[in-house]
C-alpha atoms as a PDB file:
ATOM      1  CA  MET A   1     -16.073  62.437  34.748  1.00  0.00           C
ATOM      2  CA  ILE A   2     -14.953  59.397  32.742  1.00  0.00           C
ATOM      3  CA  ARG A   3     -15.351  60.099  29.051  1.00  0.00           C
ATOM      4  CA  CYS A   4     -13.183  57.303  27.681  1.00  0.00           C
ATOM      5  CA  VAL A   5     -12.658  53.633  28.562  1.00  0.00           C
ATOM      6  CA  LEU A   6      -9.622  51.781  27.234  1.00  0.00           C
ATOM      7  CA  PHE A   7      -9.736  47.996  27.291  1.00  0.00           C
ATOM      8  CA  ASP A   8      -7.051  45.363  27.155  1.00  0.00           C
ATOM      9  CA  TYR A   9      -8.068  42.543  24.786  1.00  0.00           C
ATOM     10  CA  ASP A  10      -6.736  39.131  25.866  1.00  0.00           C
ATOM     11  CA  GLY A  11      -8.116  38.142  29.247  1.00  0.00           C
ATOM     12  CA  THR A  12     -10.294  41.256  29.539  1.00  0.00           C
ATOM     13  CA  ILE A  13     -12.634  41.431  26.552  1.00  0.00           C
ATOM     14  CA  ALA A  14     -11.814  38.087  24.961  1.00  0.00           C
ATOM     15  CA  ASP A  15     -11.475  34.765  26.721  1.00  0.00           C
ATOM     16  CA  THR A  16      -8.360  33.675  24.840  1.00  0.00           C
ATOM     17  CA  ALA A  17      -6.435  31.921  27.598  1.00  0.00           C
ATOM     18  CA  GLU A  18      -7.240  28.401  26.379  1.00  0.00           C
ATOM     19  CA  ILE A  19      -6.209  28.934  22.773  1.00  0.00           C
ATOM     20  CA  VAL A  20      -3.141  31.006  23.655  1.00  0.00           C
ATOM     21  CA  GLU A  21      -1.988  28.415  26.176  1.00  0.00           C
ATOM     22  CA  LYS A  22      -2.496  25.566  23.691  1.00  0.00           C
ATOM     23  CA  SER A  23      -0.824  27.423  20.829  1.00  0.00           C
ATOM     24  CA  TYR A  24       2.098  28.475  22.995  1.00  0.00           C
ATOM     25  CA  GLY A  25       2.542  25.066  24.566  1.00  0.00           C
ATOM     26  CA  GLU A  26       2.484  23.260  21.214  1.00  0.00           C
ATOM     27  CA  THR A  27       4.959  25.738  19.728  1.00  0.00           C
ATOM     28  CA  VAL A  28       7.462  25.539  22.569  1.00  0.00           C
ATOM     29  CA  LYS A  29       7.235  21.743  22.668  1.00  0.00           C
ATOM     30  CA  LYS A  30       7.829  21.450  18.904  1.00  0.00           C
ATOM     31  CA  PHE A  31      10.902  23.689  18.889  1.00  0.00           C
ATOM     32  CA  THR A  32      12.462  22.891  22.273  1.00  0.00           C
ATOM     33  CA  GLY A  33      10.886  19.684  23.577  1.00  0.00           C
ATOM     34  CA  HIS A  34       9.881  21.518  26.757  1.00  0.00           C
ATOM     35  CA  ASN A  35       6.388  21.100  28.224  1.00  0.00           C
ATOM     36  CA  VAL A  36       5.273  24.539  29.417  1.00  0.00           C
ATOM     37  CA  THR A  37       3.718  24.502  32.896  1.00  0.00           C
ATOM     38  CA  ARG A  38       0.673  26.616  33.805  1.00  0.00           C
ATOM     39  CA  ASP A  39       2.788  28.885  35.995  1.00  0.00           C
ATOM     40  CA  GLU A  40       5.284  29.403  33.180  1.00  0.00           C
ATOM     41  CA  PHE A  41       2.469  30.269  30.809  1.00  0.00           C
ATOM     42  CA  ILE A  42       0.931  32.805  33.205  1.00  0.00           C
ATOM     43  CA  ASP A  43       4.321  34.474  33.582  1.00  0.00           C
ATOM     44  CA  VAL A  44       4.392  35.311  29.859  1.00  0.00           C
ATOM     45  CA  PHE A  45       0.660  35.638  29.114  1.00  0.00           C
ATOM     46  CA  GLY A  46      -0.171  39.100  27.822  1.00  0.00           C
ATOM     47  CA  LYS A  47       3.329  39.895  26.616  1.00  0.00           C
ATOM     48  CA  PRO A  48       4.109  40.509  22.926  1.00  0.00           C
ATOM     49  CA  LEU A  49       4.436  37.249  21.030  1.00  0.00           C
ATOM     50  CA  SER A  50       8.105  37.769  20.213  1.00  0.00           C
ATOM     51  CA  GLU A  51       8.894  38.088  23.918  1.00  0.00           C
ATOM     52  CA  MET A  52       6.925  34.937  24.689  1.00  0.00           C
ATOM     53  CA  MET A  53       8.938  32.981  22.143  1.00  0.00           C
ATOM     54  CA  SER A  54      12.361  34.410  22.961  1.00  0.00           C
ATOM     55  CA  PHE A  55      11.914  33.245  26.548  1.00  0.00           C
ATOM     56  CA  TYR A  56      12.617  29.684  25.349  1.00  0.00           C
ATOM     57  CA  ASN A  57      14.628  30.106  22.149  1.00  0.00           C
ATOM     58  CA  LYS A  58      16.028  33.488  21.115  1.00  0.00           C
ATOM     59  CA  ASP A  59      17.432  32.063  17.874  1.00  0.00           C
ATOM     60  CA  LYS A  60      14.130  30.790  16.456  1.00  0.00           C
ATOM     61  CA  VAL A  61      11.675  33.544  17.374  1.00  0.00           C
ATOM     62  CA  GLU A  62      10.538  34.104  13.779  1.00  0.00           C
ATOM     63  CA  GLU A  63       9.985  30.411  13.077  1.00  0.00           C
ATOM     64  CA  MET A  64       8.206  29.862  16.384  1.00  0.00           C
ATOM     65  CA  THR A  65       5.993  32.907  15.878  1.00  0.00           C
ATOM     66  CA  HIS A  66       4.971  31.687  12.423  1.00  0.00           C
ATOM     67  CA  TYR A  67       4.117  28.221  13.748  1.00  0.00           C
ATOM     68  CA  TYR A  68       2.195  29.718  16.681  1.00  0.00           C
ATOM     69  CA  ARG A  69       0.083  31.910  14.416  1.00  0.00           C
ATOM     70  CA  GLU A  70      -0.751  29.033  12.092  1.00  0.00           C
ATOM     71  CA  TYR A  71      -1.849  26.864  15.029  1.00  0.00           C
ATOM     72  CA  PHE A  72      -3.783  29.758  16.565  1.00  0.00           C
ATOM     73  CA  SER A  73      -5.641  30.557  13.338  1.00  0.00           C
ATOM     74  CA  ARG A  74      -6.871  26.972  12.986  1.00  0.00           C
ATOM     75  CA  TYR A  75      -8.730  27.058  16.293  1.00  0.00           C
ATOM     76  CA  GLN A  76      -9.590  30.684  16.997  1.00  0.00           C
ATOM     77  CA  ASP A  77     -13.150  30.560  15.688  1.00  0.00           C
ATOM     78  CA  THR A  78     -14.092  27.705  18.009  1.00  0.00           C
ATOM     79  CA  LEU A  79     -12.065  28.591  21.113  1.00  0.00           C
ATOM     80  CA  ILE A  80     -12.275  32.398  21.381  1.00  0.00           C
ATOM     81  CA  ARG A  81     -15.343  34.023  22.893  1.00  0.00           C
ATOM     82  CA  PRO A  82     -16.117  37.310  24.641  1.00  0.00           C
ATOM     83  CA  PHE A  83     -16.409  37.206  28.414  1.00  0.00           C
ATOM     84  CA  PRO A  84     -19.999  37.333  29.715  1.00  0.00           C
ATOM     85  CA  GLY A  85     -21.574  40.770  29.456  1.00  0.00           C
ATOM     86  CA  VAL A  86     -18.710  42.350  27.522  1.00  0.00           C
ATOM     87  CA  VAL A  87     -20.593  43.025  24.283  1.00  0.00           C
ATOM     88  CA  GLU A  88     -23.639  44.417  26.061  1.00  0.00           C
ATOM     89  CA  THR A  89     -21.534  46.647  28.332  1.00  0.00           C
ATOM     90  CA  ILE A  90     -19.522  48.129  25.473  1.00  0.00           C
ATOM     91  CA  LYS A  91     -22.745  48.888  23.610  1.00  0.00           C
ATOM     92  CA  LYS A  92     -24.102  50.571  26.749  1.00  0.00           C
ATOM     93  CA  LEU A  93     -20.969  52.710  27.007  1.00  0.00           C
ATOM     94  CA  LYS A  94     -21.623  53.938  23.479  1.00  0.00           C
ATOM     95  CA  GLN A  95     -25.182  54.865  24.492  1.00  0.00           C
ATOM     96  CA  LEU A  96     -23.680  56.890  27.340  1.00  0.00           C
ATOM     97  CA  GLU A  97     -21.462  58.682  24.776  1.00  0.00           C
ATOM     98  CA  VAL A  98     -18.293  57.263  26.323  1.00  0.00           C
ATOM     99  CA  LYS A  99     -15.403  56.807  23.888  1.00  0.00           C
ATOM    100  CA  THR A 100     -13.940  53.305  23.751  1.00  0.00           C
ATOM    101  CA  ALA A 101     -10.697  51.789  22.537  1.00  0.00           C
ATOM    102  CA  ILE A 102      -8.742  48.558  22.801  1.00  0.00           C
ATOM    103  CA  VAL A 103      -5.078  48.843  23.788  1.00  0.00           C
ATOM    104  CA  SER A 104      -3.400  45.485  23.295  1.00  0.00           C
ATOM    105  CA  SER A 105      -0.037  43.759  22.948  1.00  0.00           C
ATOM    106  CA  ARG A 106      -1.587  41.597  20.214  1.00  0.00           C
ATOM    107  CA  THR A 107      -1.215  42.659  16.574  1.00  0.00           C
ATOM    108  CA  LYS A 108      -3.797  45.190  15.439  1.00  0.00           C
ATOM    109  CA  SER A 109      -5.169  42.820  12.801  1.00  0.00           C
ATOM    110  CA  GLY A 110      -5.622  40.104  15.425  1.00  0.00           C
ATOM    111  CA  VAL A 111      -7.626  42.401  17.677  1.00  0.00           C
ATOM    112  CA  GLU A 112      -9.700  43.733  14.787  1.00  0.00           C
ATOM    113  CA  TYR A 113     -10.575  40.164  13.805  1.00  0.00           C
ATOM    114  CA  GLY A 114     -12.037  39.638  17.277  1.00  0.00           C
ATOM    115  CA  VAL A 115     -13.834  42.984  17.289  1.00  0.00           C
ATOM    116  CA  ASP A 116     -15.514  42.077  14.002  1.00  0.00           C
ATOM    117  CA  ARG A 117     -16.378  38.562  15.158  1.00  0.00           C
ATOM    118  CA  PHE A 118     -17.957  39.872  18.373  1.00  0.00           C
ATOM    119  CA  GLY A 119     -20.038  42.408  16.425  1.00  0.00           C
ATOM    120  CA  LEU A 120     -18.330  45.420  18.008  1.00  0.00           C
ATOM    121  CA  ASN A 121     -17.177  47.311  14.928  1.00  0.00           C
ATOM    122  CA  ASP A 122     -19.711  50.089  15.516  1.00  0.00           C
ATOM    123  CA  TYR A 123     -18.907  50.353  19.229  1.00  0.00           C
ATOM    124  CA  ILE A 124     -15.103  50.386  19.460  1.00  0.00           C
ATOM    125  CA  ASP A 125     -13.719  53.728  18.316  1.00  0.00           C
ATOM    126  CA  LEU A 126     -10.064  52.753  18.077  1.00  0.00           C
ATOM    127  CA  VAL A 127      -7.679  49.802  18.250  1.00  0.00           C
ATOM    128  CA  ILE A 128      -4.056  50.236  19.298  1.00  0.00           C
ATOM    129  CA  GLY A 129      -2.087  47.060  18.665  1.00  0.00           C
ATOM    130  CA  LEU A 130       1.446  45.785  19.007  1.00  0.00           C
ATOM    131  CA  ASP A 131       2.459  47.309  15.693  1.00  0.00           C
ATOM    132  CA  ASP A 132       1.147  50.824  16.435  1.00  0.00           C
ATOM    133  CA  THR A 133       3.759  51.910  18.979  1.00  0.00           C
ATOM    134  CA  LYS A 134       7.463  51.547  19.592  1.00  0.00           C
ATOM    135  CA  ASN A 135       6.880  50.488  23.205  1.00  0.00           C
ATOM    136  CA  ASN A 136       4.215  48.158  24.579  1.00  0.00           C
ATOM    137  CA  LYS A 137       2.590  47.873  27.985  1.00  0.00           C
ATOM    138  CA  PRO A 138       3.720  48.263  30.748  1.00  0.00           C
ATOM    139  CA  HIS A 139       5.142  51.324  28.999  1.00  0.00           C
ATOM    140  CA  PRO A 140       2.463  54.053  28.905  1.00  0.00           C
ATOM    141  CA  GLU A 141       2.989  54.880  25.204  1.00  0.00           C
ATOM    142  CA  PRO A 142       0.008  52.842  23.866  1.00  0.00           C
ATOM    143  CA  ILE A 143      -2.362  54.483  26.345  1.00  0.00           C
ATOM    144  CA  ILE A 144      -0.995  57.946  25.661  1.00  0.00           C
ATOM    145  CA  LYS A 145      -1.332  57.391  21.903  1.00  0.00           C
ATOM    146  CA  ALA A 146      -4.932  56.223  22.290  1.00  0.00           C
ATOM    147  CA  MET A 147      -5.830  59.309  24.327  1.00  0.00           C
ATOM    148  CA  GLY A 148      -4.231  61.559  21.744  1.00  0.00           C
ATOM    149  CA  LEU A 149      -6.107  59.989  18.845  1.00  0.00           C
ATOM    150  CA  LEU A 150      -9.391  60.099  20.760  1.00  0.00           C
ATOM    151  CA  ASP A 151      -8.722  63.641  22.002  1.00  0.00           C
ATOM    152  CA  VAL A 152      -9.341  62.885  25.677  1.00  0.00           C
ATOM    153  CA  LYS A 153      -7.431  63.867  28.796  1.00  0.00           C
ATOM    154  CA  ALA A 154      -5.903  61.459  31.289  1.00  0.00           C
ATOM    155  CA  GLU A 155      -8.218  62.584  34.092  1.00  0.00           C
ATOM    156  CA  HIS A 156     -11.200  61.560  31.951  1.00  0.00           C
ATOM    157  CA  THR A 157      -9.829  58.117  31.041  1.00  0.00           C
ATOM    158  CA  LEU A 158     -10.124  54.650  32.596  1.00  0.00           C
ATOM    159  CA  MET A 159      -7.946  51.680  31.625  1.00  0.00           C
ATOM    160  CA  VAL A 160      -9.516  48.233  32.134  1.00  0.00           C
ATOM    161  CA  GLY A 161      -7.268  45.176  32.096  1.00  0.00           C
ATOM    162  CA  ASP A 162      -6.368  41.846  33.639  1.00  0.00           C
ATOM    163  CA  SER A 163      -2.611  42.054  34.125  1.00  0.00           C
ATOM    164  CA  PRO A 164       0.024  43.925  36.115  1.00  0.00           C
ATOM    165  CA  HIS A 165       1.153  45.475  32.808  1.00  0.00           C
ATOM    166  CA  ASP A 166      -2.247  47.135  32.392  1.00  0.00           C
ATOM    167  CA  ILE A 167      -2.195  48.636  35.879  1.00  0.00           C
ATOM    168  CA  ILE A 168       1.394  49.855  35.611  1.00  0.00           C
ATOM    169  CA  ALA A 169       0.824  51.391  32.166  1.00  0.00           C
ATOM    170  CA  ALA A 170      -2.323  53.135  33.392  1.00  0.00           C
ATOM    171  CA  LYS A 171      -0.602  54.655  36.387  1.00  0.00           C
ATOM    172  CA  GLU A 172       2.389  55.753  34.298  1.00  0.00           C
ATOM    173  CA  ALA A 173      -0.015  57.423  31.856  1.00  0.00           C
ATOM    174  CA  GLY A 174      -1.876  59.161  34.676  1.00  0.00           C
ATOM    175  CA  VAL A 175      -5.216  57.418  34.090  1.00  0.00           C
ATOM    176  CA  LYS A 176      -7.453  55.455  36.440  1.00  0.00           C
ATOM    177  CA  ALA A 177      -6.775  51.709  36.517  1.00  0.00           C
ATOM    178  CA  CYS A 178      -9.448  49.021  36.757  1.00  0.00           C
ATOM    179  CA  VAL A 179      -8.554  45.327  37.017  1.00  0.00           C
ATOM    180  CA  VAL A 180     -10.975  42.484  36.286  1.00  0.00           C
ATOM    181  CA  ASN A 181     -11.414  39.780  38.887  1.00  0.00           C
ATOM    182  CA  TRP A 182     -11.466  36.948  36.327  1.00  0.00           C
ATOM    183  CA  SER A 183      -7.778  37.495  35.640  1.00  0.00           C
ATOM    184  CA  LEU A 184      -5.401  34.523  35.509  1.00  0.00           C
ATOM    185  CA  PHE A 185      -2.792  36.558  37.340  1.00  0.00           C
ATOM    186  CA  ASP A 186      -2.147  36.323  41.058  1.00  0.00           C
ATOM    187  CA  LYS A 187      -4.832  38.363  42.832  1.00  0.00           C
ATOM    188  CA  GLU A 188      -2.545  39.522  45.629  1.00  0.00           C
ATOM    189  CA  LYS A 189       0.002  40.781  43.124  1.00  0.00           C
ATOM    190  CA  LEU A 190      -2.664  42.711  41.258  1.00  0.00           C
ATOM    191  CA  GLN A 191      -4.004  44.254  44.471  1.00  0.00           C
ATOM    192  CA  SER A 192      -0.490  45.207  45.564  1.00  0.00           C
ATOM    193  CA  LEU A 193      -0.303  47.510  42.538  1.00  0.00           C
ATOM    194  CA  ASN A 194      -3.239  49.490  43.958  1.00  0.00           C
ATOM    195  CA  PRO A 195      -5.663  49.629  41.039  1.00  0.00           C
ATOM    196  CA  ASP A 196      -8.388  52.231  41.473  1.00  0.00           C
ATOM    197  CA  TYR A 197     -11.110  49.649  40.891  1.00  0.00           C
ATOM    198  CA  ILE A 198     -11.486  45.868  40.979  1.00  0.00           C
ATOM    199  CA  ILE A 199     -14.588  44.496  39.265  1.00  0.00           C
ATOM    200  CA  SER A 200     -16.113  41.025  39.295  1.00  0.00           C
ATOM    201  CA  GLU A 201     -18.453  41.646  36.349  1.00  0.00           C
ATOM    202  CA  ILE A 202     -17.856  43.879  33.360  1.00  0.00           C
ATOM    203  CA  ASN A 203     -21.188  45.682  33.749  1.00  0.00           C
ATOM    204  CA  GLU A 204     -19.878  47.230  36.978  1.00  0.00           C
ATOM    205  CA  LEU A 205     -18.161  49.726  34.688  1.00  0.00           C
ATOM    206  CA  ILE A 206     -21.514  51.376  34.054  1.00  0.00           C
ATOM    207  CA  LYS A 207     -21.987  52.082  37.751  1.00  0.00           C
ATOM    208  CA  ILE A 208     -18.436  53.417  38.048  1.00  0.00           C
ATOM    209  CA  ILE A 209     -18.985  55.796  35.145  1.00  0.00           C
ATOM    210  CA  LYS A 210     -22.400  56.959  36.309  1.00  0.00           C
ATOM    211  CA  ASN A 211     -21.051  57.627  39.818  1.00  0.00           C
ATOM    212  CA  LYS A 212     -18.221  59.645  38.311  1.00  0.00           C
ATOM    213  CA  ASP A 213     -20.739  61.749  36.402  1.00  0.00           C
ATOM    214  CA  ARG A 214     -22.239  63.051  39.624  1.00  0.00           C
END
């Protein structure tokens, strides 16, 4: 029985690829003159911001991060939106008495801003952000911490994400892994990590959970 669903944020709940790519590209170009390609962006998408910046200039991570966040904040209200069906599905999970949390490599405040904007404050039980753990995904620590705070066991938990980091962290934590098919990441690479489920629409989670209840 699945009693808890943990969600990644960027690329899973929130369609943030456009604004993250623009913010990252503008930041790297300003500080290094380099034009980030789509493949280069996908390689770092989903990683903590400091790692994304240090990939191009390890000496100016703090300055680049500050510039990125300023650029991001100017456009987030117009460019960030939930993926289709996400809000309705999370509300349905609450009706089914399934615990929910977001486990993200974004700062906690950044995730909470999105949760509030999407009207999910009453439906997300917990947010684990970049600043809540020593290690981030693909390390299992964020998932393990979420389970501890929600008082659920690994065998009753499902991690839903869009990246290899989500799948690896889930498996290391001993929970079921579900990958979304709208991911920017290479589909063959994701499948090679053997997630337990691959879904094309978020509402497929309801069927998975109901089948597990039988």
